[in-house]
Protein backbone atom coordinates (compact mmCIF):
# COMPACT_ATOMS: atom_id res chain seq x y z
CA UNK A 1 0.71 -42.97 36.26
CA UNK A 2 -0.59 -45.47 34.06
CA UNK A 3 0.22 -49.41 33.64
CA UNK A 4 1.11 -50.37 30.45
CA UNK A 5 2.15 -53.99 29.00
CA UNK A 6 5.26 -54.51 27.06
CA UNK A 7 5.79 -57.93 25.20
CA UNK A 8 9.60 -59.33 25.90
CA UNK A 9 11.54 -61.57 24.00
CA UNK A 10 11.23 -65.29 24.78
CA UNK A 11 12.51 -65.61 28.41
CA UNK A 12 14.12 -62.53 29.11
CA UNK A 13 11.25 -61.14 31.43
CA UNK A 14 13.98 -60.75 34.12
CA UNK A 15 16.39 -58.83 31.75
CA UNK A 16 13.95 -56.34 30.60
CA UNK A 17 13.13 -56.04 34.09
CA UNK A 18 16.09 -55.27 35.25
CA UNK A 19 16.63 -52.84 32.50
CA UNK A 20 13.51 -50.95 32.58
CA UNK A 21 14.43 -50.59 36.39
CA UNK A 22 17.84 -49.25 35.73
CA UNK A 23 16.06 -46.43 33.50
CA UNK A 24 14.11 -45.27 36.38
CA UNK A 25 10.61 -46.81 35.41
CA UNK A 26 8.51 -48.94 38.01
CA UNK A 27 8.08 -52.44 36.69
CA UNK A 28 5.80 -55.19 37.70
CA UNK A 29 6.28 -58.96 36.54
CA UNK A 30 4.10 -61.30 38.45
CA UNK A 31 5.63 -64.39 39.10
CA UNK A 32 4.29 -68.05 40.32
CA UNK A 33 6.31 -71.19 41.74
CA UNK A 34 6.19 -73.88 39.04
CA UNK A 35 7.41 -77.49 39.25
CA UNK A 36 10.08 -78.15 37.02
CA UNK A 37 10.97 -82.11 35.81
CA UNK A 38 13.69 -82.62 33.90
CA UNK A 39 16.90 -85.09 34.35
CA UNK A 40 15.20 -87.42 36.81
CA UNK A 41 15.32 -84.09 38.62
CA UNK A 42 12.46 -81.93 39.83
CA UNK A 43 12.85 -78.28 40.98
CA UNK A 44 10.95 -75.51 41.98
CA UNK A 45 11.52 -72.52 40.17
CA UNK A 46 9.73 -69.31 39.63
CA UNK A 47 8.01 -68.86 36.36
CA UNK A 48 6.34 -65.58 34.89
CA UNK A 49 2.49 -65.53 35.59
CA UNK A 50 2.19 -63.90 32.20
CA UNK A 51 4.94 -65.44 29.94
CA UNK A 52 6.53 -62.79 27.81
CA UNK A 53 4.65 -59.76 29.33
CA UNK A 54 5.63 -57.22 31.90
CA UNK A 55 3.61 -54.06 33.47
CA UNK A 56 5.40 -50.72 33.33
CA UNK A 57 3.91 -47.43 35.48
CA UNK A 58 4.67 -44.70 33.13
CA UNK A 59 3.38 -41.04 33.47
CA UNK A 60 2.64 -40.69 29.71
CA UNK A 61 2.91 -37.14 29.73
CA UNK A 62 5.85 -36.39 31.04
CA UNK A 63 7.92 -39.64 30.52
CA UNK A 64 9.70 -40.64 27.39
CA UNK A 65 7.94 -43.88 27.22
CA UNK A 66 8.86 -44.53 23.58
CA UNK A 67 12.71 -45.50 24.96
CA UNK A 68 10.84 -48.43 26.23
CA UNK A 69 10.75 -50.13 22.59
CA UNK A 70 14.45 -50.18 22.51
CA UNK A 71 15.31 -51.40 25.82
CA UNK A 72 17.41 -54.87 26.12
CA UNK A 73 14.57 -57.76 26.32
CA UNK A 74 11.54 -55.67 25.23
CA UNK A 75 10.17 -56.79 21.77
CA UNK A 76 7.58 -53.85 21.88
CA UNK A 77 5.17 -51.73 24.20
CA UNK A 78 1.54 -52.87 22.96
CA UNK A 79 -0.03 -49.98 21.86
CA UNK A 80 -4.05 -48.89 21.40
CA UNK A 81 -2.88 -46.68 18.16
CA UNK A 82 0.12 -45.05 16.85
CA UNK A 83 -0.05 -42.54 19.89
CA UNK A 84 -0.95 -43.89 22.97
CA UNK A 85 0.58 -47.26 24.63
CA UNK A 86 -2.33 -49.58 25.93
CA UNK A 87 -2.78 -49.48 29.30
CA UNK A 88 -4.52 -51.64 32.09
CA UNK A 89 -6.62 -50.67 35.09
CA UNK A 90 -4.70 -50.11 38.50
CA UNK A 91 -7.17 -52.73 40.04
CA UNK A 92 -5.83 -55.09 38.07
CA UNK A 93 -2.21 -54.67 39.32
CA UNK A 94 -3.26 -53.78 43.03
CA UNK A 95 -5.14 -57.20 43.07
CA UNK A 96 -2.46 -59.14 41.80
CA UNK A 97 0.07 -57.55 44.48
CA UNK A 98 -2.73 -58.03 46.96
CA UNK A 99 -2.41 -61.68 46.77
CA UNK A 100 1.33 -61.99 46.76
CA UNK A 101 3.06 -63.95 49.32
CA UNK A 102 6.41 -63.01 48.44
CA UNK A 103 8.29 -60.51 46.33
CA UNK A 104 6.20 -60.76 43.06
CA UNK A 105 5.22 -64.23 43.77
CA UNK A 106 1.47 -65.00 43.19
CA UNK A 107 0.27 -68.46 44.75
CA UNK A 108 -1.73 -70.34 41.81
CA UNK A 109 -4.22 -71.43 44.61
CA UNK A 110 -5.26 -67.64 44.83
CA UNK A 111 -6.10 -67.66 40.64
CA UNK A 112 -8.18 -70.24 40.28
CA UNK A 113 -11.53 -69.52 40.37
CA UNK A 114 -13.07 -72.93 40.02
CA UNK A 115 -15.17 -74.42 42.93
CA UNK A 116 -15.95 -78.22 43.17
CA UNK A 117 -18.74 -78.98 40.70
CA UNK A 118 -18.01 -76.47 37.93
CA UNK A 119 -18.02 -77.82 34.29
CA UNK A 120 -14.52 -76.93 33.00
CA UNK A 121 -12.93 -77.94 29.14
CA UNK A 122 -9.80 -79.57 28.75
CA UNK A 123 -7.65 -77.44 26.82
CA UNK A 124 -4.14 -79.46 26.51
CA UNK A 125 -3.47 -82.88 26.29
CA UNK A 126 -4.88 -86.26 25.49
CA UNK A 127 -8.11 -85.10 26.89
CA UNK A 128 -8.03 -81.74 25.04
CA UNK A 129 -11.82 -80.21 24.20
CA UNK A 130 -13.14 -82.56 26.55
CA UNK A 131 -15.94 -81.52 29.34
CA UNK A 132 -14.83 -82.83 32.75
CA UNK A 133 -15.91 -81.72 36.48
CA UNK A 134 -13.70 -79.72 38.61
CA UNK A 135 -13.19 -81.66 42.00
CA UNK A 136 -10.47 -80.04 43.84
CA UNK A 137 -6.91 -78.35 43.48
CA UNK A 138 -3.96 -80.65 44.89
CA UNK A 139 -1.15 -79.46 47.22
CA UNK A 140 1.28 -78.96 43.76
CA UNK A 141 -1.68 -76.68 42.34
CA UNK A 142 -2.84 -79.34 39.99
CA UNK A 143 -6.31 -79.54 39.32
CA UNK A 144 -8.14 -82.91 40.08
CA UNK A 145 -10.82 -83.70 37.48
CA UNK A 146 -14.09 -86.31 37.19
CA UNK A 147 -13.78 -87.38 33.40
CA UNK A 148 -16.46 -89.26 31.88
CA UNK A 149 -14.59 -91.52 29.45
CA UNK A 150 -15.73 -94.36 27.79
CA UNK A 151 -18.99 -94.98 29.90
CA UNK A 152 -17.03 -94.48 33.01
CA UNK A 153 -16.38 -91.65 35.33
CA UNK A 154 -12.55 -91.48 35.83
CA UNK A 155 -10.44 -89.05 38.10
CA UNK A 156 -7.52 -87.59 36.26
CA UNK A 157 -5.00 -85.03 37.50
CA UNK A 158 -3.92 -82.24 35.05
CA UNK A 159 -1.79 -78.72 35.40
CA UNK A 160 -4.27 -75.85 36.12
CA UNK A 161 -3.28 -74.52 32.67
CA UNK A 162 -4.79 -77.09 31.07
CA UNK A 163 -8.55 -76.44 32.16
CA UNK A 164 -10.47 -73.34 31.16
CA UNK A 165 -14.18 -72.55 32.03
CA UNK A 166 -16.55 -74.69 30.04
């Protein structure tokens, strides 16, 4: 059995997952709890950890894996070449599953690899491409950063996905 990766249609991860399960495939769709703000309401929703991607455990020798490409919700199966689907190491899936707190729910705090004092680069927003110092992760999964701006050190709070290693 090999873990392969499928690219889904936009916002169709759940539909694709169910259709593949109905066909007898083992499917893994890691998700995390995300805060959604809309129309003065704040909701906590489950969002895919890897938007538009899901993992399928396939026996490449005996399973008709080409049917995955015609499954509703799937755009295509990632391929290494014309004859072989791209695969990932089992350890990656096992590590993600080991961090779960519920049914496929991975806490964001377990995925953040920054420690206090690390230099990070802001990749989104008004301070895009600025370097900052990671301070902490708050209870909502946001990154607290120290940014030197206009000669002063300022504390800013950004979504965890807006920063990366410098």
